[in-house]
């Protein structure tokens, strides 16, 4: 049985997990990317790691999503 729970707010433990993974692994699919994290019986796992340009929005905070992408673009332009 798979239960899907997509939430616009990221729990602290998910952010900590993502930061831990990203500090250990230097590979990135693109300079700007999206990481989907899921919880299994064995704990948190990466479900997908996609470049920003081919990622869905999945009920995210669209204002925050666009704002972060805009800041990134302004810094790297």
C-alpha atoms as a PDB file:
ATOM      1  CA  UNK A   1       0.000   0.000   0.000  1.00  0.00           C
ATOM      2  CA  UNK A   2       1.270   3.433  -0.953  1.00  0.00           C
ATOM      3  CA  UNK A   3      -0.021   6.552   0.698  1.00  0.00           C
ATOM      4  CA  UNK A   4       0.555   9.847  -1.079  1.00  0.00           C
ATOM      5  CA  UNK A   5       0.842  13.027   0.939  1.00  0.00           C
ATOM      6  CA  UNK A   6       1.990  16.089  -0.979  1.00  0.00           C
ATOM      7  CA  UNK A   7       2.423  19.104   1.272  1.00  0.00           C
ATOM      8  CA  UNK A   8       3.373  22.690   0.394  1.00  0.00           C
ATOM      9  CA  UNK A   9       5.269  23.011   3.695  1.00  0.00           C
ATOM     10  CA  UNK A  10       8.509  21.056   4.027  1.00  0.00           C
ATOM     11  CA  UNK A  11       8.963  19.426   7.445  1.00  0.00           C
ATOM     12  CA  UNK A  12      12.256  20.254   9.183  1.00  0.00           C
ATOM     13  CA  UNK A  13      13.429  16.627   9.098  1.00  0.00           C
ATOM     14  CA  UNK A  14      13.001  16.532   5.303  1.00  0.00           C
ATOM     15  CA  UNK A  15      15.051  19.723   4.871  1.00  0.00           C
ATOM     16  CA  UNK A  16      17.758  18.307   7.146  1.00  0.00           C
ATOM     17  CA  UNK A  17      17.769  15.029   5.182  1.00  0.00           C
ATOM     18  CA  UNK A  18      18.073  16.865   1.858  1.00  0.00           C
ATOM     19  CA  UNK A  19      20.881  19.082   3.149  1.00  0.00           C
ATOM     20  CA  UNK A  20      22.741  16.046   4.512  1.00  0.00           C
ATOM     21  CA  UNK A  21      22.467  14.220   1.173  1.00  0.00           C
ATOM     22  CA  UNK A  22      23.540  17.289  -0.788  1.00  0.00           C
ATOM     23  CA  UNK A  23      26.549  17.857   1.457  1.00  0.00           C
ATOM     24  CA  UNK A  24      27.710  14.261   0.879  1.00  0.00           C
ATOM     25  CA  UNK A  25      27.100  14.099  -2.878  1.00  0.00           C
ATOM     26  CA  UNK A  26      28.401  16.860  -5.141  1.00  0.00           C
ATOM     27  CA  UNK A  27      26.655  15.746  -8.370  1.00  0.00           C
ATOM     28  CA  UNK A  28      23.697  17.894  -9.434  1.00  0.00           C
ATOM     29  CA  UNK A  29      21.431  17.379 -12.461  1.00  0.00           C
ATOM     30  CA  UNK A  30      21.612  21.133 -13.166  1.00  0.00           C
ATOM     31  CA  UNK A  31      22.610  24.290 -11.294  1.00  0.00           C
ATOM     32  CA  UNK A  32      18.935  24.737 -10.348  1.00  0.00           C
ATOM     33  CA  UNK A  33      17.050  21.533  -9.519  1.00  0.00           C
ATOM     34  CA  UNK A  34      14.171  19.983  -7.582  1.00  0.00           C
ATOM     35  CA  UNK A  35      14.445  17.065  -5.162  1.00  0.00           C
ATOM     36  CA  UNK A  36      11.415  14.941  -4.288  1.00  0.00           C
ATOM     37  CA  UNK A  37      11.732  13.132  -0.957  1.00  0.00           C
ATOM     38  CA  UNK A  38       9.530  10.297   0.225  1.00  0.00           C
ATOM     39  CA  UNK A  39       9.215   8.377   3.460  1.00  0.00           C
ATOM     40  CA  UNK A  40       9.422   4.598   3.442  1.00  0.00           C
ATOM     41  CA  UNK A  41       9.393   2.009   6.214  1.00  0.00           C
ATOM     42  CA  UNK A  42      13.194   2.427   6.220  1.00  0.00           C
ATOM     43  CA  UNK A  43      13.125   6.221   6.545  1.00  0.00           C
ATOM     44  CA  UNK A  44      13.434   9.158   4.166  1.00  0.00           C
ATOM     45  CA  UNK A  45      14.609   8.482   0.612  1.00  0.00           C
ATOM     46  CA  UNK A  46      15.162  10.523  -2.559  1.00  0.00           C
ATOM     47  CA  UNK A  47      12.339   9.765  -4.989  1.00  0.00           C
ATOM     48  CA  UNK A  48      13.437  12.048  -7.828  1.00  0.00           C
ATOM     49  CA  UNK A  49      16.147  14.580  -8.549  1.00  0.00           C
ATOM     50  CA  UNK A  50      15.251  16.663 -11.596  1.00  0.00           C
ATOM     51  CA  UNK A  51      16.499  19.768 -13.321  1.00  0.00           C
ATOM     52  CA  UNK A  52      14.289  22.771 -12.622  1.00  0.00           C
ATOM     53  CA  UNK A  53      13.173  23.076 -16.238  1.00  0.00           C
ATOM     54  CA  UNK A  54      11.561  19.625 -16.332  1.00  0.00           C
ATOM     55  CA  UNK A  55      10.092  19.433 -12.818  1.00  0.00           C
ATOM     56  CA  UNK A  56       6.450  19.643 -11.863  1.00  0.00           C
ATOM     57  CA  UNK A  57       5.094  21.979  -9.206  1.00  0.00           C
ATOM     58  CA  UNK A  58       3.308  19.359  -7.062  1.00  0.00           C
ATOM     59  CA  UNK A  59       1.242  21.730  -4.936  1.00  0.00           C
ATOM     60  CA  UNK A  60       4.286  23.760  -3.958  1.00  0.00           C
ATOM     61  CA  UNK A  61       4.241  27.377  -2.834  1.00  0.00           C
ATOM     62  CA  UNK A  62       4.400  28.751  -6.377  1.00  0.00           C
ATOM     63  CA  UNK A  63       5.355  32.264  -5.236  1.00  0.00           C
ATOM     64  CA  UNK A  64       8.333  30.892  -3.268  1.00  0.00           C
ATOM     65  CA  UNK A  65       9.250  28.573  -6.169  1.00  0.00           C
ATOM     66  CA  UNK A  66       9.297  31.397  -8.733  1.00  0.00           C
ATOM     67  CA  UNK A  67      10.987  33.787  -6.306  1.00  0.00           C
ATOM     68  CA  UNK A  68      13.834  31.329  -5.647  1.00  0.00           C
ATOM     69  CA  UNK A  69      14.286  30.694  -9.379  1.00  0.00           C
ATOM     70  CA  UNK A  70      14.282  34.455 -10.060  1.00  0.00           C
ATOM     71  CA  UNK A  71      16.919  35.100  -7.379  1.00  0.00           C
ATOM     72  CA  UNK A  72      19.073  32.316  -8.819  1.00  0.00           C
ATOM     73  CA  UNK A  73      18.719  33.708 -12.351  1.00  0.00           C
ATOM     74  CA  UNK A  74      19.601  37.244 -11.208  1.00  0.00           C
ATOM     75  CA  UNK A  75      22.727  36.012  -9.408  1.00  0.00           C
ATOM     76  CA  UNK A  76      23.936  33.972 -12.376  1.00  0.00           C
ATOM     77  CA  UNK A  77      22.977  36.270 -15.257  1.00  0.00           C
END
